[in-house]
Amino acid sequence: MDPNQENAMIILKAMVEGSRRRGNGDVIKRLTNLSFDEINSAVPCLEDMGLVQTSPGRKKLRYDFFNVTLAPAGYQYYHDHFGKIAVIE
């Protein structure tokens, strides 16, 4: 698994385990301790897998997105690969 995919899984786990359905880049940074660049590179991996949806930012400051929202598929992926949770919609 490449570093972007590993960081994507760190973000997914942190959001699910931190009960964060939606979060901006700063929230993700606090949950994961990843750098701005690591977050910006990892979020598109999650989006490509259909596990999150992003809201675009008006102008790029630190992050390439405004918010990240977990999709139902993100909860299912977590349930299937990391832990046993009920799917939250």
N, C-alpha and C. Protein backbone atom coordinates (compact mmCIF):
# COMPACT_ATOMS: atom_id res chain seq x y z
N MET A 1 0.85 -1.18 0.00
CA MET A 1 0.00 0.00 0.00
C MET A 1 0.89 1.24 0.00
N ASP A 2 0.58 2.20 -0.87
CA ASP A 2 1.42 3.40 -0.93
C ASP A 2 1.07 4.34 0.24
N PRO A 3 1.95 5.30 0.53
CA PRO A 3 1.74 6.19 1.68
C PRO A 3 0.41 6.96 1.62
N ASN A 4 -0.02 7.37 0.43
CA ASN A 4 -1.29 8.09 0.34
C ASN A 4 -2.46 7.20 0.75
N GLN A 5 -2.41 5.93 0.35
CA GLN A 5 -3.47 5.00 0.74
C GLN A 5 -3.43 4.71 2.24
N GLU A 6 -2.22 4.58 2.78
CA GLU A 6 -2.09 4.36 4.22
C GLU A 6 -2.65 5.54 4.99
N ASN A 7 -2.32 6.77 4.56
CA ASN A 7 -2.83 7.96 5.22
C ASN A 7 -4.34 8.08 5.05
N ALA A 8 -4.84 7.64 3.90
CA ALA A 8 -6.29 7.64 3.68
C ALA A 8 -6.99 6.75 4.71
N MET A 9 -6.41 5.60 4.99
CA MET A 9 -7.00 4.68 5.97
C MET A 9 -6.90 5.27 7.38
N ILE A 10 -5.81 5.99 7.67
CA ILE A 10 -5.67 6.66 8.96
C ILE A 10 -6.79 7.68 9.13
N ILE A 11 -7.06 8.45 8.07
CA ILE A 11 -8.12 9.46 8.12
C ILE A 11 -9.47 8.80 8.30
N LEU A 12 -9.74 7.75 7.52
CA LEU A 12 -11.03 7.05 7.63
C LEU A 12 -11.23 6.54 9.06
N LYS A 13 -10.24 5.84 9.59
CA LYS A 13 -10.34 5.30 10.94
C LYS A 13 -10.55 6.40 11.96
N ALA A 14 -9.80 7.49 11.83
CA ALA A 14 -9.89 8.58 12.80
C ALA A 14 -11.28 9.23 12.77
N MET A 15 -11.81 9.40 11.57
CA MET A 15 -13.13 10.03 11.48
C MET A 15 -14.22 9.13 12.05
N VAL A 16 -14.18 7.84 11.73
CA VAL A 16 -15.19 6.93 12.25
C VAL A 16 -15.05 6.78 13.76
N GLU A 17 -13.84 6.52 14.22
CA GLU A 17 -13.62 6.29 15.65
C GLU A 17 -13.80 7.57 16.46
N GLY A 18 -13.59 8.72 15.83
CA GLY A 18 -13.79 9.99 16.50
C GLY A 18 -15.21 10.52 16.36
N SER A 19 -16.11 9.69 15.82
CA SER A 19 -17.51 10.06 15.62
C SER A 19 -17.65 11.36 14.84
N ARG A 20 -16.84 11.50 13.80
CA ARG A 20 -16.89 12.69 12.95
C ARG A 20 -17.46 12.32 11.60
N ARG A 21 -18.70 12.65 11.37
CA ARG A 21 -19.31 12.39 10.06
C ARG A 21 -18.76 13.38 9.05
N ARG A 22 -18.48 14.60 9.50
CA ARG A 22 -17.98 15.65 8.62
C ARG A 22 -16.86 16.39 9.35
N GLY A 23 -15.85 16.79 8.60
CA GLY A 23 -14.78 17.56 9.21
C GLY A 23 -14.00 18.33 8.17
N ASN A 24 -13.45 19.45 8.59
CA ASN A 24 -12.57 20.21 7.70
C ASN A 24 -11.14 19.71 7.89
N GLY A 25 -10.23 20.29 7.15
CA GLY A 25 -8.85 19.85 7.22
C GLY A 25 -8.23 19.97 8.59
N ASP A 26 -8.56 21.05 9.31
CA ASP A 26 -8.00 21.22 10.64
C ASP A 26 -8.48 20.16 11.62
N VAL A 27 -9.75 19.76 11.48
CA VAL A 27 -10.28 18.68 12.33
C VAL A 27 -9.53 17.39 12.02
N ILE A 28 -9.35 17.10 10.74
CA ILE A 28 -8.64 15.88 10.35
C ILE A 28 -7.20 15.92 10.86
N LYS A 29 -6.57 17.07 10.78
CA LYS A 29 -5.19 17.22 11.27
C LYS A 29 -5.13 16.92 12.77
N ARG A 30 -6.10 17.45 13.54
CA ARG A 30 -6.12 17.20 14.98
C ARG A 30 -6.35 15.72 15.28
N LEU A 31 -7.21 15.08 14.50
CA LEU A 31 -7.52 13.66 14.74
C LEU A 31 -6.36 12.74 14.37
N THR A 32 -5.59 13.12 13.34
CA THR A 32 -4.59 12.21 12.78
C THR A 32 -3.14 12.62 12.98
N ASN A 33 -2.90 13.90 13.21
CA ASN A 33 -1.55 14.44 13.31
C ASN A 33 -0.78 14.32 11.98
N LEU A 34 -1.51 14.19 10.87
CA LEU A 34 -0.87 14.19 9.55
C LEU A 34 -0.61 15.62 9.12
N SER A 35 0.34 15.80 8.21
CA SER A 35 0.66 17.14 7.70
C SER A 35 -0.40 17.58 6.69
N PHE A 36 -0.38 18.86 6.36
CA PHE A 36 -1.31 19.40 5.35
C PHE A 36 -1.16 18.65 4.03
N ASP A 37 0.09 18.46 3.61
CA ASP A 37 0.35 17.78 2.33
C ASP A 37 -0.12 16.33 2.37
N GLU A 38 0.09 15.65 3.49
CA GLU A 38 -0.35 14.25 3.60
C GLU A 38 -1.88 14.16 3.52
N ILE A 39 -2.56 15.10 4.16
CA ILE A 39 -4.02 15.11 4.13
C ILE A 39 -4.51 15.40 2.72
N ASN A 40 -3.93 16.42 2.08
CA ASN A 40 -4.32 16.78 0.71
C ASN A 40 -4.09 15.64 -0.27
N SER A 41 -3.09 14.83 -0.04
CA SER A 41 -2.81 13.70 -0.93
C SER A 41 -3.68 12.49 -0.63
N ALA A 42 -4.10 12.33 0.62
CA ALA A 42 -4.86 11.15 1.03
C ALA A 42 -6.35 11.27 0.76
N VAL A 43 -6.90 12.46 0.92
CA VAL A 43 -8.35 12.62 0.77
C VAL A 43 -8.83 12.22 -0.63
N PRO A 44 -8.11 12.57 -1.72
CA PRO A 44 -8.57 12.10 -3.03
C PRO A 44 -8.63 10.57 -3.15
N CYS A 45 -7.75 9.86 -2.44
CA CYS A 45 -7.81 8.38 -2.44
C CYS A 45 -9.14 7.91 -1.86
N LEU A 46 -9.55 8.52 -0.75
CA LEU A 46 -10.83 8.16 -0.14
C LEU A 46 -11.99 8.51 -1.05
N GLU A 47 -11.88 9.66 -1.70
CA GLU A 47 -12.94 10.09 -2.61
C GLU A 47 -13.04 9.16 -3.82
N ASP A 48 -11.89 8.77 -4.37
CA ASP A 48 -11.87 7.84 -5.51
C ASP A 48 -12.48 6.49 -5.16
N MET A 49 -12.33 6.08 -3.90
CA MET A 49 -12.90 4.80 -3.45
C MET A 49 -14.38 4.93 -3.11
N GLY A 50 -14.91 6.15 -3.14
CA GLY A 50 -16.31 6.38 -2.81
C GLY A 50 -16.61 6.36 -1.33
N LEU A 51 -15.57 6.54 -0.50
CA LEU A 51 -15.74 6.45 0.95
C LEU A 51 -16.06 7.79 1.59
N VAL A 52 -15.72 8.88 0.91
CA VAL A 52 -16.02 10.23 1.39
C VAL A 52 -16.48 11.09 0.22
N GLN A 53 -17.09 12.18 0.58
CA GLN A 53 -17.42 13.22 -0.40
C GLN A 53 -16.79 14.50 0.12
N THR A 54 -16.25 15.31 -0.79
CA THR A 54 -15.65 16.57 -0.38
C THR A 54 -16.47 17.73 -0.90
N SER A 55 -16.41 18.80 -0.15
CA SER A 55 -16.98 20.07 -0.60
C SER A 55 -15.79 20.94 -0.99
N PRO A 56 -15.80 21.49 -2.19
CA PRO A 56 -14.66 22.30 -2.61
C PRO A 56 -14.56 23.60 -1.81
N GLY A 57 -13.34 24.03 -1.58
CA GLY A 57 -13.12 25.29 -0.90
C GLY A 57 -13.21 26.45 -1.87
N ARG A 58 -13.48 27.63 -1.34
CA ARG A 58 -13.57 28.81 -2.19
C ARG A 58 -12.21 29.23 -2.70
N LYS A 59 -11.24 29.19 -1.83
CA LYS A 59 -9.86 29.45 -2.25
C LYS A 59 -8.96 28.55 -1.43
N LYS A 60 -7.90 28.13 -2.03
CA LYS A 60 -7.01 27.18 -1.36
C LYS A 60 -6.11 27.92 -0.38
N LEU A 61 -6.22 27.57 0.88
CA LEU A 61 -5.30 28.08 1.88
C LEU A 61 -4.31 26.98 2.23
N ARG A 62 -4.78 26.00 3.00
CA ARG A 62 -3.92 24.87 3.34
C ARG A 62 -4.42 23.58 2.72
N TYR A 63 -5.73 23.51 2.50
CA TYR A 63 -6.33 22.27 2.05
C TYR A 63 -6.98 22.46 0.69
N ASP A 64 -7.09 21.37 -0.06
CA ASP A 64 -7.69 21.40 -1.39
C ASP A 64 -9.21 21.24 -1.34
N PHE A 65 -9.80 21.26 -0.17
CA PHE A 65 -11.23 21.03 0.03
C PHE A 65 -11.69 21.87 1.20
N PHE A 66 -13.00 22.03 1.31
CA PHE A 66 -13.56 22.75 2.46
C PHE A 66 -13.92 21.77 3.57
N ASN A 67 -14.70 20.75 3.23
CA ASN A 67 -15.12 19.72 4.19
C ASN A 67 -15.02 18.34 3.57
N VAL A 68 -14.84 17.36 4.44
CA VAL A 68 -14.89 15.96 4.05
C VAL A 68 -16.05 15.34 4.82
N THR A 69 -16.94 14.65 4.09
CA THR A 69 -18.08 13.99 4.71
C THR A 69 -17.99 12.50 4.43
N LEU A 70 -18.09 11.70 5.50
CA LEU A 70 -18.07 10.25 5.32
C LEU A 70 -19.32 9.80 4.59
N ALA A 71 -19.15 8.98 3.59
CA ALA A 71 -20.27 8.39 2.86
C ALA A 71 -20.66 7.09 3.58
N PRO A 72 -21.88 6.62 3.37
CA PRO A 72 -22.26 5.33 3.97
C PRO A 72 -21.26 4.22 3.62
N ALA A 73 -20.69 4.27 2.41
CA ALA A 73 -19.69 3.27 2.02
C ALA A 73 -18.44 3.35 2.90
N GLY A 74 -18.13 4.52 3.43
CA GLY A 74 -16.98 4.67 4.33
C GLY A 74 -17.19 3.92 5.62
N TYR A 75 -18.40 4.03 6.17
CA TYR A 75 -18.72 3.28 7.38
C TYR A 75 -18.70 1.78 7.10
N GLN A 76 -19.22 1.38 5.96
CA GLN A 76 -19.23 -0.04 5.61
C GLN A 76 -17.82 -0.57 5.43
N TYR A 77 -16.95 0.22 4.77
CA TYR A 77 -15.56 -0.19 4.57
C TYR A 77 -14.87 -0.35 5.93
N TYR A 78 -15.10 0.59 6.82
CA TYR A 78 -14.52 0.49 8.16
C TYR A 78 -15.02 -0.77 8.85
N HIS A 79 -16.32 -0.99 8.80
CA HIS A 79 -16.91 -2.17 9.43
C HIS A 79 -16.31 -3.46 8.87
N ASP A 80 -16.12 -3.52 7.55
CA ASP A 80 -15.61 -4.72 6.90
C ASP A 80 -14.13 -4.96 7.16
N HIS A 81 -13.35 -3.88 7.34
CA HIS A 81 -11.90 -4.03 7.40
C HIS A 81 -11.25 -3.73 8.75
N PHE A 82 -11.90 -2.94 9.58
CA PHE A 82 -11.23 -2.51 10.81
C PHE A 82 -11.97 -2.87 12.09
N GLY A 83 -13.27 -2.84 12.08
CA GLY A 83 -13.99 -3.05 13.32
C GLY A 83 -15.44 -3.36 13.07
N LYS A 84 -16.11 -3.61 14.11
CA LYS A 84 -17.52 -3.96 14.00
C LYS A 84 -18.35 -2.77 14.49
N ILE A 85 -18.97 -2.07 13.55
CA ILE A 85 -19.87 -0.98 13.88
C ILE A 85 -21.13 -1.14 13.05
N ALA A 86 -22.17 -0.49 13.47
CA ALA A 86 -23.39 -0.45 12.67
C ALA A 86 -23.20 0.61 11.57
N VAL A 87 -23.73 0.38 10.42
CA VAL A 87 -23.63 1.34 9.33
C VAL A 87 -24.48 2.54 9.69
N ILE A 88 -23.89 3.71 9.62
CA ILE A 88 -24.59 4.95 9.94
C ILE A 88 -24.91 5.68 8.66
N GLU A 89 -26.13 6.08 8.48
CA GLU A 89 -26.52 6.80 7.27
C GLU A 89 -26.96 8.19 7.59
